[in-house]
Amino acid sequence: MNVNYLYSLLAVIVLGLIAYVGAGVAGFQGLFGIFIPYLAVVIFIAGFINRIMDWAKSPVPFRIPSTCGQQKSLDWIKQNKIDNPSSTFGVIVRMVFEIVLFRSLFRNSRAEIVGERIAYKWVVWLWLFAILFHYSFFAVVIRHLRLFLEPVPVFIKIFEQADGILQVGLPGLFLSGVTLLAAAFFLLLRRILIPKINYISLAADYFPLLLIIGIALTGIMMRYFTKVDVVKIKELTMGLATFHAGIPEGGISGLFYVHLFFVSVLVIYIPFSKLMHMGGVFLSPTRNLANNNRMKRHINPWNPDVKFHTYEEYEDDFREKMIEAGLPVEKE
């Protein structure tokens, strides 16, 4: 039985307790409210740039795009210009569909043995919850920008109104928070309950999901169930954004520091984890290259020059021995 999710769950619980006790009980609000968030941003920027530069320096001498359609060939054979692009424009279209709509994931299928045959079934749920997860996360990040900007830009206000269009309860319900939590739970349960995925899942696969669930839960608790001083939170975040950081007088609820600490840990974790696909997808040679192997010869740039020994030269060197052995030669 794979119990890696229990280790990850324990790690998230311990992190939450450290932040709650450290900031809410021991009085280390400066550590958890100022120092750690700044440290997280520095590590994220440095780690992100280092990872991208490392990938950018990796040589890709050959065209190795992953394709699912017909390559450009003879004029009378119809090419799939999106799945198997042969031009830069086609690559851009393909990348847009992949990044914005998760096009390859939409065609996800599951193989099953039915009787004596292998059957493939279209599985759309993973694509649906992946879309909900990523766009909900994006919406949550956009909404939280109001805490770091003054005055708040109009587009953020419009975005916030659209996110809370249901107006359920008071304060109004934000759809992004609920869908983020639901999608993260689905992705977590998928890893735990599906035997094949559970078998290959590591603690590093569960940890970010549980951390995001912790962020969503603490955020929902602060908004709908416990009282936090939004004015003081805005004062703290504006101080961080303007590099005039300070802890507001009277302090802030310990739950807020747990939420902030979870966010800081996630930000630190991103450059060293699979979550770096957010930047790596743009540098993936299986996606960002045109498949023009039939139109252009691609030569490995670091191959050393090789002196070839032609057959004519070979025969010149061994002609007499070949004749003695009864082997045919082109020149007598």
C-alpha atoms as a PDB file:
ATOM      1  CA  MET A   1       0.000   0.000   0.000  1.00  0.00           C
ATOM      2  CA  ASN A   2       1.295   3.421  -0.958  1.00  0.00           C
ATOM      3  CA  VAL A   3       1.144   5.614   2.141  1.00  0.00           C
ATOM      4  CA  ASN A   4       3.163   8.511   0.755  1.00  0.00           C
ATOM      5  CA  TYR A   5       0.063  10.719   0.990  1.00  0.00           C
ATOM      6  CA  LEU A   6       0.077  10.216   4.776  1.00  0.00           C
ATOM      7  CA  TYR A   7       3.644  11.533   5.008  1.00  0.00           C
ATOM      8  CA  SER A   8       2.691  14.545   2.911  1.00  0.00           C
ATOM      9  CA  LEU A   9      -0.442  15.150   4.976  1.00  0.00           C
ATOM     10  CA  LEU A  10       1.601  14.975   8.169  1.00  0.00           C
ATOM     11  CA  ALA A  11       4.121  17.434   6.718  1.00  0.00           C
ATOM     12  CA  VAL A  12       1.380  19.947   5.838  1.00  0.00           C
ATOM     13  CA  ILE A  13      -0.215  19.614   9.293  1.00  0.00           C
ATOM     14  CA  VAL A  14       3.166  20.152  10.975  1.00  0.00           C
ATOM     15  CA  LEU A  15       3.829  23.224   8.822  1.00  0.00           C
ATOM     16  CA  GLY A  16       0.428  24.632   9.768  1.00  0.00           C
ATOM     17  CA  LEU A  17       1.044  24.055  13.468  1.00  0.00           C
ATOM     18  CA  ILE A  18       4.489  25.660  13.256  1.00  0.00           C
ATOM     19  CA  ALA A  19       3.015  28.809  11.715  1.00  0.00           C
ATOM     20  CA  TYR A  20       0.025  28.933  14.094  1.00  0.00           C
ATOM     21  CA  VAL A  21       2.103  28.429  17.226  1.00  0.00           C
ATOM     22  CA  GLY A  22       5.017  30.543  16.022  1.00  0.00           C
ATOM     23  CA  ALA A  23       2.992  33.574  14.927  1.00  0.00           C
ATOM     24  CA  GLY A  24      -0.174  33.248  16.984  1.00  0.00           C
ATOM     25  CA  VAL A  25       1.251  32.051  20.308  1.00  0.00           C
ATOM     26  CA  ALA A  26       5.010  32.661  20.434  1.00  0.00           C
ATOM     27  CA  GLY A  27       4.718  36.102  18.841  1.00  0.00           C
ATOM     28  CA  PHE A  28       7.017  35.627  15.819  1.00  0.00           C
ATOM     29  CA  GLN A  29       4.734  37.629  13.527  1.00  0.00           C
ATOM     30  CA  GLY A  30       7.715  39.364  11.956  1.00  0.00           C
ATOM     31  CA  LEU A  31       9.292  36.056  11.013  1.00  0.00           C
ATOM     32  CA  PHE A  32       6.167  34.568   9.454  1.00  0.00           C
ATOM     33  CA  GLY A  33       4.687  37.805   8.141  1.00  0.00           C
ATOM     34  CA  ILE A  34       7.759  39.561   6.721  1.00  0.00           C
ATOM     35  CA  PHE A  35      10.989  37.545   6.602  1.00  0.00           C
ATOM     36  CA  ILE A  36       9.645  34.243   5.258  1.00  0.00           C
ATOM     37  CA  PRO A  37       7.468  35.849   2.511  1.00  0.00           C
ATOM     38  CA  TYR A  38      10.438  37.917   1.291  1.00  0.00           C
ATOM     39  CA  LEU A  39      12.693  34.846   1.425  1.00  0.00           C
ATOM     40  CA  ALA A  40      10.101  32.861  -0.523  1.00  0.00           C
ATOM     41  CA  VAL A  41       9.967  35.439  -3.310  1.00  0.00           C
ATOM     42  CA  VAL A  42      13.772  35.610  -3.580  1.00  0.00           C
ATOM     43  CA  ILE A  43      14.111  31.803  -3.732  1.00  0.00           C
ATOM     44  CA  PHE A  44      11.275  31.569  -6.249  1.00  0.00           C
ATOM     45  CA  ILE A  45      12.762  34.156  -8.615  1.00  0.00           C
ATOM     46  CA  ALA A  46      16.306  32.768  -8.364  1.00  0.00           C
ATOM     47  CA  GLY A  47      15.155  29.158  -8.652  1.00  0.00           C
ATOM     48  CA  PHE A  48      12.780  29.880 -11.531  1.00  0.00           C
ATOM     49  CA  ILE A  49      15.422  31.755 -13.545  1.00  0.00           C
ATOM     50  CA  ASN A  50      18.048  29.089 -12.853  1.00  0.00           C
ATOM     51  CA  ARG A  51      15.731  26.283 -13.953  1.00  0.00           C
ATOM     52  CA  ILE A  52      14.675  28.097 -17.127  1.00  0.00           C
ATOM     53  CA  MET A  53      18.272  28.976 -18.032  1.00  0.00           C
ATOM     54  CA  ASP A  54      19.325  25.370 -17.478  1.00  0.00           C
ATOM     55  CA  TRP A  55      16.595  24.140 -19.819  1.00  0.00           C
ATOM     56  CA  ALA A  56      17.328  26.872 -22.363  1.00  0.00           C
ATOM     57  CA  LYS A  57      20.984  25.762 -22.563  1.00  0.00           C
ATOM     58  CA  SER A  58      20.033  22.143 -23.240  1.00  0.00           C
ATOM     59  CA  PRO A  59      20.848  21.406 -26.909  1.00  0.00           C
ATOM     60  CA  VAL A  60      18.056  20.107 -29.130  1.00  0.00           C
ATOM     61  CA  PRO A  61      19.735  19.188 -32.428  1.00  0.00           C
ATOM     62  CA  PHE A  62      16.828  17.209 -33.845  1.00  0.00           C
ATOM     63  CA  ARG A  63      13.114  17.826 -34.263  1.00  0.00           C
ATOM     64  CA  ILE A  64      11.337  15.575 -31.744  1.00  0.00           C
ATOM     65  CA  PRO A  65       7.737  16.880 -31.504  1.00  0.00           C
ATOM     66  CA  SER A  66       5.114  14.519 -30.117  1.00  0.00           C
ATOM     67  CA  THR A  67       2.453  14.293 -32.786  1.00  0.00           C
ATOM     68  CA  CYS A  68      -0.925  12.658 -33.229  1.00  0.00           C
ATOM     69  CA  GLY A  69      -1.731  13.615 -36.811  1.00  0.00           C
ATOM     70  CA  GLN A  70      -0.547  13.305 -40.389  1.00  0.00           C
ATOM     71  CA  GLN A  71       2.786  14.966 -41.136  1.00  0.00           C
ATOM     72  CA  LYS A  72       3.170  17.204 -44.167  1.00  0.00           C
ATOM     73  CA  SER A  73       3.994  14.931 -47.066  1.00  0.00           C
ATOM     74  CA  LEU A  74       2.721  14.613 -50.631  1.00  0.00           C
ATOM     75  CA  ASP A  75       0.312  17.229 -51.928  1.00  0.00           C
ATOM     76  CA  TRP A  76      -2.585  14.782 -52.149  1.00  0.00           C
ATOM     77  CA  ILE A  77      -2.175  13.677 -48.481  1.00  0.00           C
ATOM     78  CA  LYS A  78      -4.016  16.003 -46.097  1.00  0.00           C
ATOM     79  CA  GLN A  79      -1.812  17.329 -43.302  1.00  0.00           C
ATOM     80  CA  ASN A  80      -2.997  17.860 -39.731  1.00  0.00           C
ATOM     81  CA  LYS A  81      -1.647  21.396 -39.345  1.00  0.00           C
ATOM     82  CA  ILE A  82      -2.358  21.663 -35.606  1.00  0.00           C
ATOM     83  CA  ASP A  83      -1.301  18.266 -34.298  1.00  0.00           C
ATOM     84  CA  ASN A  84       1.629  17.976 -36.688  1.00  0.00           C
ATOM     85  CA  PRO A  85       2.660  21.519 -37.639  1.00  0.00           C
ATOM     86  CA  SER A  86       5.374  22.127 -40.210  1.00  0.00           C
ATOM     87  CA  SER A  87       5.562  25.918 -39.776  1.00  0.00           C
ATOM     88  CA  THR A  88       6.147  28.395 -36.952  1.00  0.00           C
ATOM     89  CA  PHE A  89       2.562  29.616 -37.176  1.00  0.00           C
ATOM     90  CA  GLY A  90       1.299  26.062 -36.775  1.00  0.00           C
ATOM     91  CA  VAL A  91       3.500  25.602 -33.706  1.00  0.00           C
ATOM     92  CA  ILE A  92       2.119  28.800 -32.156  1.00  0.00           C
ATOM     93  CA  VAL A  93      -1.469  27.646 -32.743  1.00  0.00           C
ATOM     94  CA  ARG A  94      -0.677  24.256 -31.269  1.00  0.00           C
ATOM     95  CA  MET A  95       1.004  25.801 -28.191  1.00  0.00           C
ATOM     96  CA  VAL A  96      -1.941  28.159 -27.609  1.00  0.00           C
ATOM     97  CA  PHE A  97      -4.415  25.271 -27.698  1.00  0.00           C
ATOM     98  CA  GLU A  98      -2.165  23.230 -25.409  1.00  0.00           C
ATOM     99  CA  ILE A  99      -1.511  25.940 -22.823  1.00  0.00           C
ATOM    100  CA  VAL A 100      -4.948  27.563 -22.785  1.00  0.00           C
ATOM    101  CA  LEU A 101      -7.212  24.550 -23.341  1.00  0.00           C
ATOM    102  CA  PHE A 102      -5.036  21.506 -22.433  1.00  0.00           C
ATOM    103  CA  ARG A 103      -5.834  20.038 -25.846  1.00  0.00           C
ATOM    104  CA  SER A 104      -3.770  16.861 -25.490  1.00  0.00           C
ATOM    105  CA  LEU A 105      -5.270  16.120 -22.078  1.00  0.00           C
ATOM    106  CA  PHE A 106      -8.749  16.532 -23.537  1.00  0.00           C
ATOM    107  CA  ARG A 107      -8.094  13.445 -25.654  1.00  0.00           C
ATOM    108  CA  ASN A 108      -7.041  11.422 -22.628  1.00  0.00           C
ATOM    109  CA  SER A 109      -8.074   7.767 -22.816  1.00  0.00           C
ATOM    110  CA  ARG A 110      -7.932   4.744 -20.545  1.00  0.00           C
ATOM    111  CA  ALA A 111      -6.956   1.250 -21.704  1.00  0.00           C
ATOM    112  CA  GLU A 112      -8.961  -1.676 -20.360  1.00  0.00           C
ATOM    113  CA  ILE A 113      -9.060  -5.388 -21.147  1.00  0.00           C
ATOM    114  CA  VAL A 114     -12.584  -6.377 -22.148  1.00  0.00           C
ATOM    115  CA  GLY A 115     -12.756 -10.114 -22.696  1.00  0.00           C
ATOM    116  CA  GLU A 116      -9.753 -10.859 -24.879  1.00  0.00           C
ATOM    117  CA  ARG A 117      -9.485  -7.377 -26.369  1.00  0.00           C
ATOM    118  CA  ILE A 118      -7.953  -4.099 -25.321  1.00  0.00           C
ATOM    119  CA  ALA A 119     -10.539  -1.303 -25.297  1.00  0.00           C
ATOM    120  CA  TYR A 120      -9.804   2.405 -25.081  1.00  0.00           C
ATOM    121  CA  LYS A 121     -12.280   4.681 -23.319  1.00  0.00           C
ATOM    122  CA  TRP A 122     -12.327   8.449 -23.504  1.00  0.00           C
ATOM    123  CA  VAL A 123     -11.811   9.965 -20.034  1.00  0.00           C
ATOM    124  CA  VAL A 124     -12.810  13.601 -19.870  1.00  0.00           C
ATOM    125  CA  TRP A 125     -12.979  14.035 -16.094  1.00  0.00           C
ATOM    126  CA  LEU A 126      -9.256  14.550 -15.661  1.00  0.00           C
ATOM    127  CA  TRP A 127      -9.272  17.280 -18.310  1.00  0.00           C
ATOM    128  CA  LEU A 128     -12.314  18.976 -16.742  1.00  0.00           C
ATOM    129  CA  PHE A 129     -10.911  19.096 -13.218  1.00  0.00           C
ATOM    130  CA  ALA A 130      -7.461  20.078 -14.487  1.00  0.00           C
ATOM    131  CA  ILE A 131      -9.035  23.041 -16.286  1.00  0.00           C
ATOM    132  CA  LEU A 132     -11.032  23.971 -13.171  1.00  0.00           C
ATOM    133  CA  PHE A 133      -7.944  23.659 -10.995  1.00  0.00           C
ATOM    134  CA  HIS A 134      -5.638  25.797 -13.101  1.00  0.00           C
ATOM    135  CA  TYR A 135      -8.135  28.512 -13.972  1.00  0.00           C
ATOM    136  CA  SER A 136      -9.447  28.678 -10.409  1.00  0.00           C
ATOM    137  CA  PHE A 137      -5.893  29.059  -9.148  1.00  0.00           C
ATOM    138  CA  PHE A 138      -5.315  31.810 -11.692  1.00  0.00           C
ATOM    139  CA  ALA A 139      -8.527  33.565 -10.630  1.00  0.00           C
ATOM    140  CA  VAL A 140      -7.570  33.386  -6.955  1.00  0.00           C
ATOM    141  CA  VAL A 141      -4.163  34.927  -7.694  1.00  0.00           C
ATOM    142  CA  ILE A 142      -5.754  37.749  -9.715  1.00  0.00           C
ATOM    143  CA  ARG A 143      -8.277  38.486  -6.939  1.00  0.00           C
ATOM    144  CA  HIS A 144      -5.539  38.661  -4.304  1.00  0.00           C
ATOM    145  CA  LEU A 145      -3.709  41.359  -6.260  1.00  0.00           C
ATOM    146  CA  ARG A 146      -6.129  43.851  -4.674  1.00  0.00           C
ATOM    147  CA  LEU A 147      -4.230  43.358  -1.410  1.00  0.00           C
ATOM    148  CA  PHE A 148      -0.984  44.570  -2.998  1.00  0.00           C
ATOM    149  CA  LEU A 149      -2.254  47.481  -5.117  1.00  0.00           C
ATOM    150  CA  GLU A 150      -3.698  50.845  -4.135  1.00  0.00           C
ATOM    151  CA  PRO A 151      -5.805  52.068  -5.768  1.00  0.00           C
ATOM    152  CA  VAL A 152      -7.200  48.743  -6.931  1.00  0.00           C
ATOM    153  CA  PRO A 153      -7.217  48.573 -10.765  1.00  0.00           C
ATOM    154  CA  VAL A 154     -10.603  48.493 -12.449  1.00  0.00           C
ATOM    155  CA  PHE A 155      -9.972  45.152 -14.173  1.00  0.00           C
ATOM    156  CA  ILE A 156      -9.434  43.465 -10.787  1.00  0.00           C
ATOM    157  CA  LYS A 157     -12.730  44.873  -9.495  1.00  0.00           C
ATOM    158  CA  ILE A 158     -14.546  43.632 -12.599  1.00  0.00           C
ATOM    159  CA  PHE A 159     -12.864  40.249 -12.295  1.00  0.00           C
ATOM    160  CA  GLU A 160     -13.855  40.042  -8.630  1.00  0.00           C
ATOM    161  CA  GLN A 161     -17.470  40.898  -9.420  1.00  0.00           C
ATOM    162  CA  ALA A 162     -17.608  38.199 -12.072  1.00  0.00           C
ATOM    163  CA  ASP A 163     -16.082  35.670  -9.672  1.00  0.00           C
ATOM    164  CA  GLY A 164     -18.705  36.459  -7.032  1.00  0.00           C
ATOM    165  CA  ILE A 165     -21.655  36.663  -9.403  1.00  0.00           C
ATOM    166  CA  LEU A 166     -23.724  34.094  -7.458  1.00  0.00           C
ATOM    167  CA  GLN A 167     -23.943  36.341  -4.375  1.00  0.00           C
ATOM    168  CA  VAL A 168     -24.620  33.376  -2.082  1.00  0.00           C
ATOM    169  CA  GLY A 169     -24.575  34.405   1.578  1.00  0.00           C
ATOM    170  CA  LEU A 170     -22.713  37.266   3.173  1.00  0.00           C
ATOM    171  CA  PRO A 171     -19.899  37.817   2.421  1.00  0.00           C
ATOM    172  CA  GLY A 172     -20.534  36.819  -1.174  1.00  0.00           C
ATOM    173  CA  LEU A 173     -19.325  33.451  -2.386  1.00  0.00           C
ATOM    174  CA  PHE A 174     -16.348  33.427  -4.734  1.00  0.00           C
ATOM    175  CA  LEU A 175     -16.618  30.628  -7.279  1.00  0.00           C
ATOM    176  CA  SER A 176     -12.870  30.309  -7.764  1.00  0.00           C
ATOM    177  CA  GLY A 177     -12.234  29.394  -4.141  1.00  0.00           C
ATOM    178  CA  VAL A 178     -14.837  26.619  -4.143  1.00  0.00           C
ATOM    179  CA  THR A 179     -13.827  25.187  -7.521  1.00  0.00           C
ATOM    180  CA  LEU A 180     -10.126  25.293  -6.593  1.00  0.00           C
ATOM    181  CA  LEU A 181     -10.796  23.281  -3.442  1.00  0.00           C
ATOM    182  CA  ALA A 182     -13.081  20.814  -5.249  1.00  0.00           C
ATOM    183  CA  ALA A 183     -10.652  20.293  -8.137  1.00  0.00           C
ATOM    184  CA  ALA A 184      -7.673  19.841  -5.806  1.00  0.00           C
ATOM    185  CA  PHE A 185      -9.635  17.253  -3.785  1.00  0.00           C
ATOM    186  CA  PHE A 186     -10.533  15.397  -6.988  1.00  0.00           C
ATOM    187  CA  LEU A 187      -6.906  15.290  -8.158  1.00  0.00           C
ATOM    188  CA  LEU A 188      -5.833  14.098  -4.702  1.00  0.00           C
ATOM    189  CA  LEU A 189      -8.478  11.363  -4.514  1.00  0.00           C
ATOM    190  CA  ARG A 190      -7.568  10.269  -8.047  1.00  0.00           C
ATOM    191  CA  ARG A 191      -4.003   9.626  -6.920  1.00  0.00           C
ATOM    192  CA  ILE A 192      -5.126   7.804  -3.787  1.00  0.00           C
ATOM    193  CA  LEU A 193      -8.010   5.687  -5.100  1.00  0.00           C
ATOM    194  CA  ILE A 194      -6.890   4.642  -8.591  1.00  0.00           C
ATOM    195  CA  PRO A 195      -4.462   1.732  -8.024  1.00  0.00           C
ATOM    196  CA  LYS A 196      -2.255   2.345 -11.082  1.00  0.00           C
ATOM    197  CA  ILE A 197      -1.755   6.018 -10.282  1.00  0.00           C
ATOM    198  CA  ASN A 198      -1.385   5.352  -6.571  1.00  0.00           C
ATOM    199  CA  TYR A 199       1.380   2.841  -7.310  1.00  0.00           C
ATOM    200  CA  ILE A 200       3.575   5.367  -9.145  1.00  0.00           C
ATOM    201  CA  SER A 201       2.802   8.376  -6.912  1.00  0.00           C
ATOM    202  CA  LEU A 202       5.478   9.742  -4.613  1.00  0.00           C
ATOM    203  CA  ALA A 203       5.237  11.995  -1.583  1.00  0.00           C
ATOM    204  CA  ALA A 204       6.342  14.832  -3.875  1.00  0.00           C
ATOM    205  CA  ASP A 205       3.161  14.278  -5.923  1.00  0.00           C
ATOM    206  CA  TYR A 206       0.845  14.530  -2.911  1.00  0.00           C
ATOM    207  CA  PHE A 207       2.581  17.351  -1.051  1.00  0.00           C
ATOM    208  CA  PRO A 208       1.750  20.269  -3.407  1.00  0.00           C
ATOM    209  CA  LEU A 209      -1.883  19.126  -3.723  1.00  0.00           C
ATOM    210  CA  LEU A 210      -2.292  18.934   0.057  1.00  0.00           C
ATOM    211  CA  LEU A 211      -0.518  22.281   0.430  1.00  0.00           C
ATOM    212  CA  ILE A 212      -2.902  23.917  -2.065  1.00  0.00           C
ATOM    213  CA  ILE A 213      -5.855  22.321  -0.274  1.00  0.00           C
ATOM    214  CA  GLY A 214      -4.504  23.808   2.963  1.00  0.00           C
ATOM    215  CA  ILE A 215      -4.243  27.237   1.321  1.00  0.00           C
ATOM    216  CA  ALA A 216      -7.809  27.004  -0.004  1.00  0.00           C
ATOM    217  CA  LEU A 217      -9.234  25.759   3.304  1.00  0.00           C
ATOM    218  CA  THR A 218      -7.557  28.440   5.415  1.00  0.00           C
ATOM    219  CA  GLY A 219      -8.637  31.096   2.910  1.00  0.00           C
ATOM    220  CA  ILE A 220     -12.264  29.909   2.975  1.00  0.00           C
ATOM    221  CA  MET A 221     -12.210  29.727   6.785  1.00  0.00           C
ATOM    222  CA  MET A 222     -10.947  33.300   7.055  1.00  0.00           C
ATOM    223  CA  ARG A 223     -13.559  34.605   4.636  1.00  0.00           C
ATOM    224  CA  TYR A 224     -16.663  32.707   5.729  1.00  0.00           C
ATOM    225  CA  PHE A 225     -16.186  31.238   9.208  1.00  0.00           C
ATOM    226  CA  THR A 226     -13.690  33.210  11.312  1.00  0.00           C
ATOM    227  CA  LYS A 227     -13.212  36.932  11.663  1.00  0.00           C
ATOM    228  CA  VAL A 228     -10.009  38.516  10.387  1.00  0.00           C
ATOM    229  CA  ASP A 229      -9.199  42.183  10.122  1.00  0.00           C
ATOM    230  CA  VAL A 230      -8.974  42.785   6.365  1.00  0.00           C
ATOM    231  CA  VAL A 231      -7.732  46.352   6.930  1.00  0.00           C
ATOM    232  CA  LYS A 232      -4.733  45.117   8.907  1.00  0.00           C
ATOM    233  CA  ILE A 233      -4.040  42.409   6.331  1.00  0.00           C
ATOM    234  CA  LYS A 234      -4.086  45.049   3.595  1.00  0.00           C
ATOM    235  CA  GLU A 235      -1.727  47.185   5.684  1.00  0.00           C
ATOM    236  CA  LEU A 236       0.700  44.281   5.999  1.00  0.00           C
ATOM    237  CA  THR A 237       0.560  43.279   2.324  1.00  0.00           C
ATOM    238  CA  MET A 238       0.935  46.855   1.110  1.00  0.00           C
ATOM    239  CA  GLY A 239       3.973  47.199   3.355  1.00  0.00           C
ATOM    240  CA  LEU A 240       5.446  44.072   1.785  1.00  0.00           C
ATOM    241  CA  ALA A 241       4.726  45.343  -1.725  1.00  0.00           C
ATOM    242  CA  THR A 242       6.285  48.773  -1.079  1.00  0.00           C
ATOM    243  CA  PHE A 243       9.260  47.441   0.940  1.00  0.00           C
ATOM    244  CA  HIS A 244       8.062  49.248   4.056  1.00  0.00           C
ATOM    245  CA  ALA A 245       7.030  46.099   5.839  1.00  0.00           C
ATOM    246  CA  GLY A 246       5.731  46.186   9.374  1.00  0.00           C
ATOM    247  CA  ILE A 247       3.369  44.220  11.573  1.00  0.00           C
ATOM    248  CA  PRO A 248       0.107  46.175  12.194  1.00  0.00           C
ATOM    249  CA  GLU A 249      -0.631  47.166  15.774  1.00  0.00           C
ATOM    250  CA  GLY A 250      -2.854  44.709  17.544  1.00  0.00           C
ATOM    251  CA  GLY A 251      -1.679  41.845  15.335  1.00  0.00           C
ATOM    252  CA  ILE A 252      -3.602  39.595  12.972  1.00  0.00           C
ATOM    253  CA  SER A 253      -5.275  36.244  13.519  1.00  0.00           C
ATOM    254  CA  GLY A 254      -2.950  33.230  13.700  1.00  0.00           C
ATOM    255  CA  LEU A 255      -4.973  31.570  10.925  1.00  0.00           C
ATOM    256  CA  PHE A 256      -3.824  34.281   8.537  1.00  0.00           C
ATOM    257  CA  TYR A 257      -0.180  33.468   9.253  1.00  0.00           C
ATOM    258  CA  VAL A 258      -0.888  29.785   8.601  1.00  0.00           C
ATOM    259  CA  HIS A 259      -2.405  30.772   5.246  1.00  0.00           C
ATOM    260  CA  LEU A 260       0.532  33.050   4.423  1.00  0.00           C
ATOM    261  CA  PHE A 261       3.062  30.425   5.503  1.00  0.00           C
ATOM    262  CA  PHE A 262       1.419  27.790   3.281  1.00  0.00           C
ATOM    263  CA  VAL A 263       1.615  30.209   0.347  1.00  0.00           C
ATOM    264  CA  SER A 264       5.276  30.956   1.095  1.00  0.00           C
ATOM    265  CA  VAL A 265       6.159  27.253   1.271  1.00  0.00           C
ATOM    266  CA  LEU A 266       4.370  26.638  -2.049  1.00  0.00           C
ATOM    267  CA  VAL A 267       6.224  29.538  -3.685  1.00  0.00           C
ATOM    268  CA  ILE A 268       9.557  28.141  -2.436  1.00  0.00           C
ATOM    269  CA  TYR A 269       8.632  24.633  -3.552  1.00  0.00           C
ATOM    270  CA  ILE A 270       7.671  25.504  -7.140  1.00  0.00           C
ATOM    271  CA  PRO A 271      11.156  25.885  -8.733  1.00  0.00           C
ATOM    272  CA  PHE A 272      12.285  22.511  -7.376  1.00  0.00           C
ATOM    273  CA  SER A 273       9.227  20.454  -8.249  1.00  0.00           C
ATOM    274  CA  LYS A 274       7.003  19.275 -11.080  1.00  0.00           C
ATOM    275  CA  LEU A 275       5.069  22.515 -10.701  1.00  0.00           C
ATOM    276  CA  MET A 276       7.790  24.094 -12.845  1.00  0.00           C
ATOM    277  CA  HIS A 277       5.831  22.843 -15.848  1.00  0.00           C
ATOM    278  CA  MET A 278       4.284  26.313 -15.693  1.00  0.00           C
ATOM    279  CA  GLY A 279       7.504  27.569 -17.286  1.00  0.00           C
ATOM    280  CA  GLY A 280       8.876  24.391 -18.787  1.00  0.00           C
ATOM    281  CA  VAL A 281       5.955  23.877 -21.158  1.00  0.00           C
ATOM    282  CA  PHE A 282       7.230  26.769 -23.270  1.00  0.00           C
ATOM    283  CA  LEU A 283      10.655  25.121 -23.624  1.00  0.00           C
ATOM    284  CA  SER A 284       9.485  21.589 -24.316  1.00  0.00           C
ATOM    285  CA  PRO A 285      10.969  20.394 -27.644  1.00  0.00           C
ATOM    286  CA  THR A 286       8.116  17.895 -27.981  1.00  0.00           C
ATOM    287  CA  ARG A 287       5.743  20.870 -28.258  1.00  0.00           C
ATOM    288  CA  ASN A 288       7.569  23.961 -29.494  1.00  0.00           C
ATOM    289  CA  LEU A 289       9.197  22.558 -32.640  1.00  0.00           C
ATOM    290  CA  ALA A 290       7.804  22.256 -36.124  1.00  0.00           C
ATOM    291  CA  ASN A 291       7.896  18.756 -37.562  1.00  0.00           C
ATOM    292  CA  ASN A 292       9.673  19.499 -40.827  1.00  0.00           C
ATOM    293  CA  ASN A 293      12.013  16.524 -40.937  1.00  0.00           C
ATOM    294  CA  ARG A 294      10.882  15.596 -44.460  1.00  0.00           C
ATOM    295  CA  MET A 295      11.597  19.092 -45.756  1.00  0.00           C
ATOM    296  CA  LYS A 296      14.864  19.933 -44.026  1.00  0.00           C
ATOM    297  CA  ARG A 297      17.850  17.885 -42.979  1.00  0.00           C
ATOM    298  CA  HIS A 298      18.821  18.454 -39.344  1.00  0.00           C
ATOM    299  CA  ILE A 299      22.460  17.738 -38.540  1.00  0.00           C
ATOM    300  CA  ASN A 300      23.790  17.333 -35.024  1.00  0.00           C
ATOM    301  CA  PRO A 301      25.892  20.518 -34.542  1.00  0.00           C
ATOM    302  CA  TRP A 302      28.459  18.991 -32.194  1.00  0.00           C
ATOM    303  CA  ASN A 303      29.238  15.865 -34.214  1.00  0.00           C
ATOM    304  CA  PRO A 304      33.016  15.734 -34.964  1.00  0.00           C
ATOM    305  CA  ASP A 305      34.173  15.598 -38.553  1.00  0.00           C
ATOM    306  CA  VAL A 306      34.601  11.978 -39.583  1.00  0.00           C
ATOM    307  CA  LYS A 307      36.924  10.885 -42.382  1.00  0.00           C
ATOM    308  CA  PHE A 308      34.981   8.311 -44.337  1.00  0.00           C
ATOM    309  CA  HIS A 309      36.708   5.327 -45.914  1.00  0.00           C
ATOM    310  CA  THR A 310      34.911   4.789 -49.220  1.00  0.00           C
ATOM    311  CA  TYR A 311      34.551   1.450 -50.948  1.00  0.00           C
ATOM    312  CA  GLU A 312      36.876   2.591 -53.737  1.00  0.00           C
ATOM    313  CA  GLU A 313      39.571   3.357 -51.149  1.00  0.00           C
ATOM    314  CA  TYR A 314      38.899   0.056 -49.425  1.00  0.00           C
ATOM    315  CA  GLU A 315      39.282  -1.848 -52.675  1.00  0.00           C
ATOM    316  CA  ASP A 316      42.520  -0.008 -53.478  1.00  0.00           C
ATOM    317  CA  ASP A 317      43.927  -1.082 -50.113  1.00  0.00           C
ATOM    318  CA  PHE A 318      42.895  -4.733 -50.328  1.00  0.00           C
ATOM    319  CA  ARG A 319      42.488  -5.457 -54.069  1.00  0.00           C
ATOM    320  CA  GLU A 320      45.237  -8.047 -54.304  1.00  0.00           C
ATOM    321  CA  LYS A 321      44.035  -9.933 -51.261  1.00  0.00           C
ATOM    322  CA  MET A 322      40.442  -9.810 -52.534  1.00  0.00           C
ATOM    323  CA  ILE A 323      41.502 -11.264 -55.893  1.00  0.00           C
ATOM    324  CA  GLU A 324      43.497 -14.012 -54.160  1.00  0.00           C
ATOM    325  CA  ALA A 325      40.466 -14.840 -52.043  1.00  0.00           C
ATOM    326  CA  GLY A 326      38.246 -15.010 -55.138  1.00  0.00           C
ATOM    327  CA  LEU A 327      36.184 -11.935 -54.203  1.00  0.00           C
ATOM    328  CA  PRO A 328      34.813  -9.805 -57.070  1.00  0.00           C
ATOM    329  CA  VAL A 329      36.412  -6.393 -57.563  1.00  0.00           C
ATOM    330  CA  GLU A 330      35.315  -3.454 -59.671  1.00  0.00           C
ATOM    331  CA  LYS A 331      38.807  -2.692 -60.916  1.00  0.00           C
ATOM    332  CA  GLU A 332      41.279  -5.380 -61.975  1.00  0.00           C
END
